[in-house]
């Protein structure tokens, strides 16, 4: 487990292999995963007071992270094409 909570592999451990594969073969998934990672790091930095922010800003970032997590999960749950 990483030091930053809520990383994708920690959130969806049963999909860890699929996450790694999709990051390599699906550009859209890779962009969403990178955006999720950046948001998650920003939230973590705020929560640990490394880069504090106002509560309302934090709430908005958490909502954005949650919506992105839902989109990523939808891709993970969709049937994956086989080669």
PDB file of N, CA and C in Angstrom:
ATOM      1  N   UNK A   1       0.848  -1.167   0.000  1.00  0.00           N
ATOM      2  CA  UNK A   1       0.000   0.000   0.000  1.00  0.00           C
ATOM      3  C   UNK A   1       0.897   1.234   0.000  1.00  0.00           C
ATOM      4  N   UNK A   2       0.472   2.248  -0.716  1.00  0.00           N
ATOM      5  CA  UNK A   2       1.249   3.473  -0.788  1.00  0.00           C
ATOM      6  C   UNK A   2       0.989   4.336   0.442  1.00  0.00           C
ATOM      7  N   UNK A   3       1.792   5.393   0.595  1.00  0.00           N
ATOM      8  CA  UNK A   3       1.588   6.333   1.694  1.00  0.00           C
ATOM      9  C   UNK A   3       0.385   7.225   1.450  1.00  0.00           C
ATOM     10  N   UNK A   4      -0.016   7.381   0.201  1.00  0.00           N
ATOM     11  CA  UNK A   4      -1.159   8.208  -0.151  1.00  0.00           C
ATOM     12  C   UNK A   4      -2.402   7.329  -0.196  1.00  0.00           C
ATOM     13  N   UNK A   5      -3.396   7.624   0.649  1.00  0.00           N
ATOM     14  CA  UNK A   5      -4.617   6.809   0.611  1.00  0.00           C
ATOM     15  C   UNK A   5      -5.413   7.046  -0.672  1.00  0.00           C
ATOM     16  N   UNK A   6      -6.268   6.120  -0.982  1.00  0.00           N
ATOM     17  CA  UNK A   6      -7.215   6.203  -2.094  1.00  0.00           C
ATOM     18  C   UNK A   6      -6.577   6.048  -3.473  1.00  0.00           C
ATOM     19  N   UNK A   7      -5.385   5.472  -3.567  1.00  0.00           N
ATOM     20  CA  UNK A   7      -4.821   5.186  -4.886  1.00  0.00           C
ATOM     21  C   UNK A   7      -5.704   4.134  -5.558  1.00  0.00           C
ATOM     22  N   UNK A   8      -5.733   4.139  -6.885  1.00  0.00           N
ATOM     23  CA  UNK A   8      -6.633   3.228  -7.612  1.00  0.00           C
ATOM     24  C   UNK A   8      -6.419   1.769  -7.236  1.00  0.00           C
ATOM     25  N   UNK A   9      -5.168   1.334  -7.149  1.00  0.00           N
ATOM     26  CA  UNK A   9      -4.897  -0.063  -6.817  1.00  0.00           C
ATOM     27  C   UNK A   9      -5.382  -0.407  -5.408  1.00  0.00           C
ATOM     28  N   UNK A  10      -5.404   0.582  -4.519  1.00  0.00           N
ATOM     29  CA  UNK A  10      -5.912   0.365  -3.166  1.00  0.00           C
ATOM     30  C   UNK A  10      -7.441   0.379  -3.142  1.00  0.00           C
ATOM     31  N   UNK A  11      -8.032   1.216  -3.972  1.00  0.00           N
ATOM     32  CA  UNK A  11      -9.489   1.325  -4.035  1.00  0.00           C
ATOM     33  C   UNK A  11     -10.128   0.106  -4.698  1.00  0.00           C
ATOM     34  N   UNK A  12      -9.450  -0.436  -5.690  1.00  0.00           N
ATOM     35  CA  UNK A  12      -9.970  -1.586  -6.455  1.00  0.00           C
ATOM     36  C   UNK A  12      -8.922  -2.697  -6.512  1.00  0.00           C
ATOM     37  N   UNK A  13      -8.571  -3.292  -5.369  1.00  0.00           N
ATOM     38  CA  UNK A  13      -7.509  -4.302  -5.380  1.00  0.00           C
ATOM     39  C   UNK A  13      -7.835  -5.513  -6.258  1.00  0.00           C
ATOM     40  N   UNK A  14      -9.119  -5.818  -6.400  1.00  0.00           N
ATOM     41  CA  UNK A  14      -9.507  -6.962  -7.232  1.00  0.00           C
ATOM     42  C   UNK A  14      -9.322  -6.668  -8.719  1.00  0.00           C
ATOM     43  N   UNK A  15      -9.104  -5.398  -9.061  1.00  0.00           N
ATOM     44  CA  UNK A  15      -8.911  -4.995 -10.455  1.00  0.00           C
ATOM     45  C   UNK A  15      -7.494  -4.478 -10.718  1.00  0.00           C
ATOM     46  N   UNK A  16      -6.567  -4.766  -9.805  1.00  0.00           N
ATOM     47  CA  UNK A  16      -5.207  -4.216  -9.920  1.00  0.00           C
ATOM     48  C   UNK A  16      -4.557  -4.581 -11.254  1.00  0.00           C
ATOM     49  N   UNK A  17      -4.700  -5.828 -11.677  1.00  0.00           N
ATOM     50  CA  UNK A  17      -4.090  -6.252 -12.940  1.00  0.00           C
ATOM     51  C   UNK A  17      -4.746  -5.540 -14.119  1.00  0.00           C
ATOM     52  N   UNK A  18      -6.075  -5.447 -14.100  1.00  0.00           N
ATOM     53  CA  UNK A  18      -6.799  -4.771 -15.179  1.00  0.00           C
ATOM     54  C   UNK A  18      -6.416  -3.293 -15.249  1.00  0.00           C
ATOM     55  N   UNK A  19      -6.229  -2.656 -14.106  1.00  0.00           N
ATOM     56  CA  UNK A  19      -5.821  -1.251 -14.084  1.00  0.00           C
ATOM     57  C   UNK A  19      -4.485  -1.083 -14.785  1.00  0.00           C
ATOM     58  N   UNK A  20      -3.531  -1.943 -14.457  1.00  0.00           N
ATOM     59  CA  UNK A  20      -2.205  -1.868 -15.080  1.00  0.00           C
ATOM     60  C   UNK A  20      -2.286  -2.068 -16.586  1.00  0.00           C
ATOM     61  N   UNK A  21      -3.069  -3.045 -17.011  1.00  0.00           N
ATOM     62  CA  UNK A  21      -3.202  -3.329 -18.441  1.00  0.00           C
ATOM     63  C   UNK A  21      -3.902  -2.176 -19.154  1.00  0.00           C
ATOM     64  N   UNK A  22      -5.009  -1.716 -18.594  1.00  0.00           N
ATOM     65  CA  UNK A  22      -5.770  -0.637 -19.241  1.00  0.00           C
ATOM     66  C   UNK A  22      -4.961   0.652 -19.349  1.00  0.00           C
ATOM     67  N   UNK A  23      -4.118   0.930 -18.376  1.00  0.00           N
ATOM     68  CA  UNK A  23      -3.260   2.110 -18.456  1.00  0.00           C
ATOM     69  C   UNK A  23      -2.328   2.038 -19.670  1.00  0.00           C
ATOM     70  N   UNK A  24      -1.983   0.830 -20.062  1.00  0.00           N
ATOM     71  CA  UNK A  24      -1.062   0.647 -21.186  1.00  0.00           C
ATOM     72  C   UNK A  24      -1.768   0.598 -22.534  1.00  0.00           C
ATOM     73  N   UNK A  25      -2.999   0.090 -22.575  1.00  0.00           N
ATOM     74  CA  UNK A  25      -3.647  -0.139 -23.869  1.00  0.00           C
ATOM     75  C   UNK A  25      -4.817   0.793 -24.174  1.00  0.00           C
ATOM     76  N   UNK A  26      -5.303   1.514 -23.178  1.00  0.00           N
ATOM     77  CA  UNK A  26      -6.469   2.382 -23.370  1.00  0.00           C
ATOM     78  C   UNK A  26      -6.078   3.814 -22.996  1.00  0.00           C
ATOM     79  N   UNK A  27      -5.870   4.653 -23.995  1.00  0.00           N
ATOM     80  CA  UNK A  27      -5.406   6.028 -23.760  1.00  0.00           C
ATOM     81  C   UNK A  27      -6.400   6.823 -22.918  1.00  0.00           C
ATOM     82  N   UNK A  28      -7.702   6.616 -23.154  1.00  0.00           N
ATOM     83  CA  UNK A  28      -8.719   7.345 -22.387  1.00  0.00           C
ATOM     84  C   UNK A  28      -8.666   6.935 -20.914  1.00  0.00           C
ATOM     85  N   UNK A  29      -8.579   5.637 -20.657  1.00  0.00           N
ATOM     86  CA  UNK A  29      -8.472   5.153 -19.279  1.00  0.00           C
ATOM     87  C   UNK A  29      -7.201   5.692 -18.633  1.00  0.00           C
ATOM     88  N   UNK A  30      -6.100   5.672 -19.363  1.00  0.00           N
ATOM     89  CA  UNK A  30      -4.824   6.168 -18.835  1.00  0.00           C
ATOM     90  C   UNK A  30      -4.925   7.641 -18.450  1.00  0.00           C
ATOM     91  N   UNK A  31      -5.588   8.449 -19.285  1.00  0.00           N
ATOM     92  CA  UNK A  31      -5.759   9.874 -18.962  1.00  0.00           C
ATOM     93  C   UNK A  31      -6.623  10.048 -17.710  1.00  0.00           C
ATOM     94  N   UNK A  32      -7.716   9.285 -17.631  1.00  0.00           N
ATOM     95  CA  UNK A  32      -8.571   9.381 -16.446  1.00  0.00           C
ATOM     96  C   UNK A  32      -7.821   8.931 -15.195  1.00  0.00           C
ATOM     97  N   UNK A  33      -7.037   7.869 -15.313  1.00  0.00           N
ATOM     98  CA  UNK A  33      -6.268   7.369 -14.170  1.00  0.00           C
ATOM     99  C   UNK A  33      -5.234   8.403 -13.732  1.00  0.00           C
ATOM    100  N   UNK A  34      -4.592   9.062 -14.686  1.00  0.00           N
ATOM    101  CA  UNK A  34      -3.610  10.095 -14.350  1.00  0.00           C
ATOM    102  C   UNK A  34      -4.293  11.293 -13.691  1.00  0.00           C
ATOM    103  N   UNK A  35      -5.455  11.671 -14.192  1.00  0.00           N
ATOM    104  CA  UNK A  35      -6.207  12.773 -13.597  1.00  0.00           C
ATOM    105  C   UNK A  35      -6.626  12.401 -12.171  1.00  0.00           C
ATOM    106  N   UNK A  36      -7.080  11.162 -11.980  1.00  0.00           N
ATOM    107  CA  UNK A  36      -7.457  10.692 -10.649  1.00  0.00           C
ATOM    108  C   UNK A  36      -6.252  10.770  -9.710  1.00  0.00           C
ATOM    109  N   UNK A  37      -5.112  10.301 -10.188  1.00  0.00           N
ATOM    110  CA  UNK A  37      -3.891  10.304  -9.380  1.00  0.00           C
ATOM    111  C   UNK A  37      -3.522  11.739  -8.978  1.00  0.00           C
ATOM    112  N   UNK A  38      -3.581  12.665  -9.925  1.00  0.00           N
ATOM    113  CA  UNK A  38      -3.233  14.061  -9.643  1.00  0.00           C
ATOM    114  C   UNK A  38      -4.205  14.670  -8.622  1.00  0.00           C
ATOM    115  N   UNK A  39      -5.493  14.418  -8.799  1.00  0.00           N
ATOM    116  CA  UNK A  39      -6.494  14.911  -7.843  1.00  0.00           C
ATOM    117  C   UNK A  39      -6.266  14.304  -6.464  1.00  0.00           C
ATOM    118  N   UNK A  40      -6.021  13.023  -6.423  1.00  0.00           N
ATOM    119  CA  UNK A  40      -5.822  12.330  -5.167  1.00  0.00           C
ATOM    120  C   UNK A  40      -4.606  12.881  -4.429  1.00  0.00           C
ATOM    121  N   UNK A  41      -3.528  13.127  -5.158  1.00  0.00           N
ATOM    122  CA  UNK A  41      -2.320  13.706  -4.543  1.00  0.00           C
ATOM    123  C   UNK A  41      -2.613  15.107  -4.009  1.00  0.00           C
ATOM    124  N   UNK A  42      -3.351  15.901  -4.779  1.00  0.00           N
ATOM    125  CA  UNK A  42      -3.684  17.257  -4.352  1.00  0.00           C
ATOM    126  C   UNK A  42      -4.516  17.223  -3.064  1.00  0.00           C
ATOM    127  N   UNK A  43      -5.473  16.322  -3.008  1.00  0.00           N
ATOM    128  CA  UNK A  43      -6.310  16.180  -1.814  1.00  0.00           C
ATOM    129  C   UNK A  43      -5.468  15.727  -0.630  1.00  0.00           C
ATOM    130  N   UNK A  44      -4.608  14.764  -0.854  1.00  0.00           N
ATOM    131  CA  UNK A  44      -3.748  14.255   0.224  1.00  0.00           C
ATOM    132  C   UNK A  44      -2.835  15.358   0.764  1.00  0.00           C
ATOM    133  N   UNK A  45      -2.271  16.150  -0.140  1.00  0.00           N
ATOM    134  CA  UNK A  45      -1.398  17.255   0.290  1.00  0.00           C
ATOM    135  C   UNK A  45      -2.190  18.272   1.120  1.00  0.00           C
ATOM    136  N   UNK A  46      -3.433  18.511   0.760  1.00  0.00           N
ATOM    137  CA  UNK A  46      -4.266  19.436   1.526  1.00  0.00           C
ATOM    138  C   UNK A  46      -4.632  18.838   2.884  1.00  0.00           C
ATOM    139  N   UNK A  47      -4.985  17.557   2.901  1.00  0.00           N
ATOM    140  CA  UNK A  47      -5.383  16.901   4.148  1.00  0.00           C
ATOM    141  C   UNK A  47      -4.233  16.838   5.154  1.00  0.00           C
ATOM    142  N   UNK A  48      -3.015  16.736   4.660  1.00  0.00           N
ATOM    143  CA  UNK A  48      -1.851  16.647   5.541  1.00  0.00           C
ATOM    144  C   UNK A  48      -1.223  18.013   5.797  1.00  0.00           C
ATOM    145  N   UNK A  49      -1.893  19.067   5.339  1.00  0.00           N
ATOM    146  CA  UNK A  49      -1.454  20.454   5.522  1.00  0.00           C
ATOM    147  C   UNK A  49      -0.117  20.767   4.866  1.00  0.00           C
ATOM    148  N   UNK A  50       0.266  19.995   3.875  1.00  0.00           N
ATOM    149  CA  UNK A  50       1.440  20.331   3.070  1.00  0.00           C
ATOM    150  C   UNK A  50       1.079  21.494   2.154  1.00  0.00           C
ATOM    151  N   UNK A  51      -0.136  21.445   1.626  1.00  0.00           N
ATOM    152  CA  UNK A  51      -0.672  22.521   0.776  1.00  0.00           C
ATOM    153  C   UNK A  51      -2.122  22.754   1.185  1.00  0.00           C
ATOM    154  N   UNK A  52      -2.333  23.412   2.324  1.00  0.00           N
ATOM    155  CA  UNK A  52      -3.699  23.587   2.840  1.00  0.00           C
ATOM    156  C   UNK A  52      -4.602  24.340   1.867  1.00  0.00           C
ATOM    157  N   UNK A  53      -5.901  24.060   1.970  1.00  0.00           N
ATOM    158  CA  UNK A  53      -6.891  24.778   1.163  1.00  0.00           C
ATOM    159  C   UNK A  53      -8.166  24.920   1.985  1.00  0.00           C
ATOM    160  N   UNK A  54      -9.042  25.772   1.505  1.00  0.00           N
ATOM    161  CA  UNK A  54     -10.306  25.985   2.201  1.00  0.00           C
ATOM    162  C   UNK A  54     -11.183  24.735   2.111  1.00  0.00           C
ATOM    163  N   UNK A  55     -12.066  24.595   3.084  1.00  0.00           N
ATOM    164  CA  UNK A  55     -12.932  23.416   3.159  1.00  0.00           C
ATOM    165  C   UNK A  55     -13.790  23.233   1.910  1.00  0.00           C
ATOM    166  N   UNK A  56     -14.363  24.314   1.399  1.00  0.00           N
ATOM    167  CA  UNK A  56     -15.219  24.192   0.214  1.00  0.00           C
ATOM    168  C   UNK A  56     -14.435  23.720  -1.003  1.00  0.00           C
ATOM    169  N   UNK A  57     -13.219  24.193  -1.135  1.00  0.00           N
ATOM    170  CA  UNK A  57     -12.370  23.741  -2.247  1.00  0.00           C
ATOM    171  C   UNK A  57     -12.063  22.257  -2.104  1.00  0.00           C
ATOM    172  N   UNK A  58     -11.797  21.827  -0.875  1.00  0.00           N
ATOM    173  CA  UNK A  58     -11.520  20.415  -0.621  1.00  0.00           C
ATOM    174  C   UNK A  58     -12.739  19.562  -0.959  1.00  0.00           C
ATOM    175  N   UNK A  59     -13.919  20.026  -0.581  1.00  0.00           N
ATOM    176  CA  UNK A  59     -15.151  19.283  -0.865  1.00  0.00           C
ATOM    177  C   UNK A  59     -15.335  19.128  -2.369  1.00  0.00           C
ATOM    178  N   UNK A  60     -15.101  20.184  -3.114  1.00  0.00           N
ATOM    179  CA  UNK A  60     -15.239  20.120  -4.578  1.00  0.00           C
ATOM    180  C   UNK A  60     -14.250  19.138  -5.187  1.00  0.00           C
ATOM    181  N   UNK A  61     -13.021  19.143  -4.700  1.00  0.00           N
ATOM    182  CA  UNK A  61     -12.023  18.193  -5.214  1.00  0.00           C
ATOM    183  C   UNK A  61     -12.422  16.758  -4.882  1.00  0.00           C
ATOM    184  N   UNK A  62     -12.942  16.539  -3.704  1.00  0.00           N
ATOM    185  CA  UNK A  62     -13.376  15.187  -3.332  1.00  0.00           C
ATOM    186  C   UNK A  62     -14.542  14.720  -4.200  1.00  0.00           C
ATOM    187  N   UNK A  63     -15.459  15.634  -4.505  1.00  0.00           N
ATOM    188  CA  UNK A  63     -16.572  15.291  -5.407  1.00  0.00           C
ATOM    189  C   UNK A  63     -16.041  14.930  -6.791  1.00  0.00           C
ATOM    190  N   UNK A  64     -15.097  15.723  -7.279  1.00  0.00           N
ATOM    191  CA  UNK A  64     -14.507  15.461  -8.595  1.00  0.00           C
ATOM    192  C   UNK A  64     -13.786  14.114  -8.605  1.00  0.00           C
ATOM    193  N   UNK A  65     -13.042  13.820  -7.530  1.00  0.00           N
ATOM    194  CA  UNK A  65     -12.348  12.535  -7.432  1.00  0.00           C
ATOM    195  C   UNK A  65     -13.354  11.387  -7.402  1.00  0.00           C
ATOM    196  N   UNK A  66     -14.461  11.562  -6.671  1.00  0.00           N
ATOM    197  CA  UNK A  66     -15.479  10.524  -6.593  1.00  0.00           C
ATOM    198  C   UNK A  66     -16.129  10.258  -7.940  1.00  0.00           C
ATOM    199  N   UNK A  67     -16.430  11.324  -8.671  1.00  0.00           N
ATOM    200  CA  UNK A  67     -17.039  11.159  -9.994  1.00  0.00           C
ATOM    201  C   UNK A  67     -16.070  10.452 -10.944  1.00  0.00           C
ATOM    202  N   UNK A  68     -14.809  10.820 -10.869  1.00  0.00           N
ATOM    203  CA  UNK A  68     -13.809  10.185 -11.726  1.00  0.00           C
ATOM    204  C   UNK A  68     -13.623   8.715 -11.347  1.00  0.00           C
ATOM    205  N   UNK A  69     -13.656   8.436 -10.059  1.00  0.00           N
ATOM    206  CA  UNK A  69     -13.550   7.054  -9.588  1.00  0.00           C
ATOM    207  C   UNK A  69     -14.710   6.217 -10.120  1.00  0.00           C
ATOM    208  N   UNK A  70     -15.910   6.789 -10.141  1.00  0.00           N
ATOM    209  CA  UNK A  70     -17.075   6.089 -10.696  1.00  0.00           C
ATOM    210  C   UNK A  70     -16.877   5.768 -12.175  1.00  0.00           C
ATOM    211  N   UNK A  71     -16.343   6.718 -12.920  1.00  0.00           N
ATOM    212  CA  UNK A  71     -16.094   6.499 -14.356  1.00  0.00           C
ATOM    213  C   UNK A  71     -15.049   5.411 -14.563  1.00  0.00           C
ATOM    214  N   UNK A  72     -13.996   5.445 -13.771  1.00  0.00           N
ATOM    215  CA  UNK A  72     -12.951   4.420 -13.885  1.00  0.00           C
ATOM    216  C   UNK A  72     -13.518   3.045 -13.540  1.00  0.00           C
ATOM    217  N   UNK A  73     -14.346   2.980 -12.513  1.00  0.00           N
ATOM    218  CA  UNK A  73     -14.946   1.708 -12.118  1.00  0.00           C
ATOM    219  C   UNK A  73     -15.856   1.168 -13.213  1.00  0.00           C
ATOM    220  N   UNK A  74     -16.584   2.060 -13.873  1.00  0.00           N
ATOM    221  CA  UNK A  74     -17.460   1.629 -14.970  1.00  0.00           C
ATOM    222  C   UNK A  74     -16.638   0.971 -16.075  1.00  0.00           C
ATOM    223  N   UNK A  75     -15.483   1.517 -16.370  1.00  0.00           N
ATOM    224  CA  UNK A  75     -14.612   0.915 -17.386  1.00  0.00           C
ATOM    225  C   UNK A  75     -14.106  -0.436 -16.894  1.00  0.00           C
ATOM    226  N   UNK A  76     -13.732  -0.509 -15.633  1.00  0.00           N
ATOM    227  CA  UNK A  76     -13.213  -1.769 -15.082  1.00  0.00           C
ATOM    228  C   UNK A  76     -14.274  -2.866 -15.079  1.00  0.00           C
ATOM    229  N   UNK A  77     -15.526  -2.492 -14.859  1.00  0.00           N
ATOM    230  CA  UNK A  77     -16.599  -3.485 -14.817  1.00  0.00           C
ATOM    231  C   UNK A  77     -17.120  -3.884 -16.207  1.00  0.00           C
ATOM    232  N   UNK A  78     -16.838  -3.058 -17.206  1.00  0.00           N
ATOM    233  CA  UNK A  78     -17.288  -3.366 -18.566  1.00  0.00           C
ATOM    234  C   UNK A  78     -16.523  -4.572 -19.099  1.00  0.00           C
ATOM    235  N   UNK A  79     -17.187  -5.369 -19.917  1.00  0.00           N
ATOM    236  CA  UNK A  79     -16.468  -6.505 -20.525  1.00  0.00           C
ATOM    237  C   UNK A  79     -15.273  -6.004 -21.336  1.00  0.00           C
ATOM    238  N   UNK A  80     -14.117  -6.610 -21.096  1.00  0.00           N
ATOM    239  CA  UNK A  80     -12.910  -6.210 -21.805  1.00  0.00           C
ATOM    240  C   UNK A  80     -12.776  -7.045 -23.088  1.00  0.00           C
ATOM    241  N   UNK A  81     -12.435  -6.391 -24.192  1.00  0.00           N
ATOM    242  CA  UNK A  81     -12.248  -7.151 -25.438  1.00  0.00           C
ATOM    243  C   UNK A  81     -11.047  -8.075 -25.307  1.00  0.00           C
ATOM    244  N   UNK A  82     -11.167  -9.210 -25.917  1.00  0.00           N
ATOM    245  CA  UNK A  82     -10.048 -10.162 -25.905  1.00  0.00           C
ATOM    246  C   UNK A  82      -9.377 -10.138 -27.261  1.00  0.00           C
ATOM    247  N   UNK A  83      -8.084 -10.360 -27.249  1.00  0.00           N
ATOM    248  CA  UNK A  83      -7.312 -10.320 -28.493  1.00  0.00           C
ATOM    249  C   UNK A  83      -7.366 -11.623 -29.227  1.00  0.00           C
TER     250      UNK A  83
END
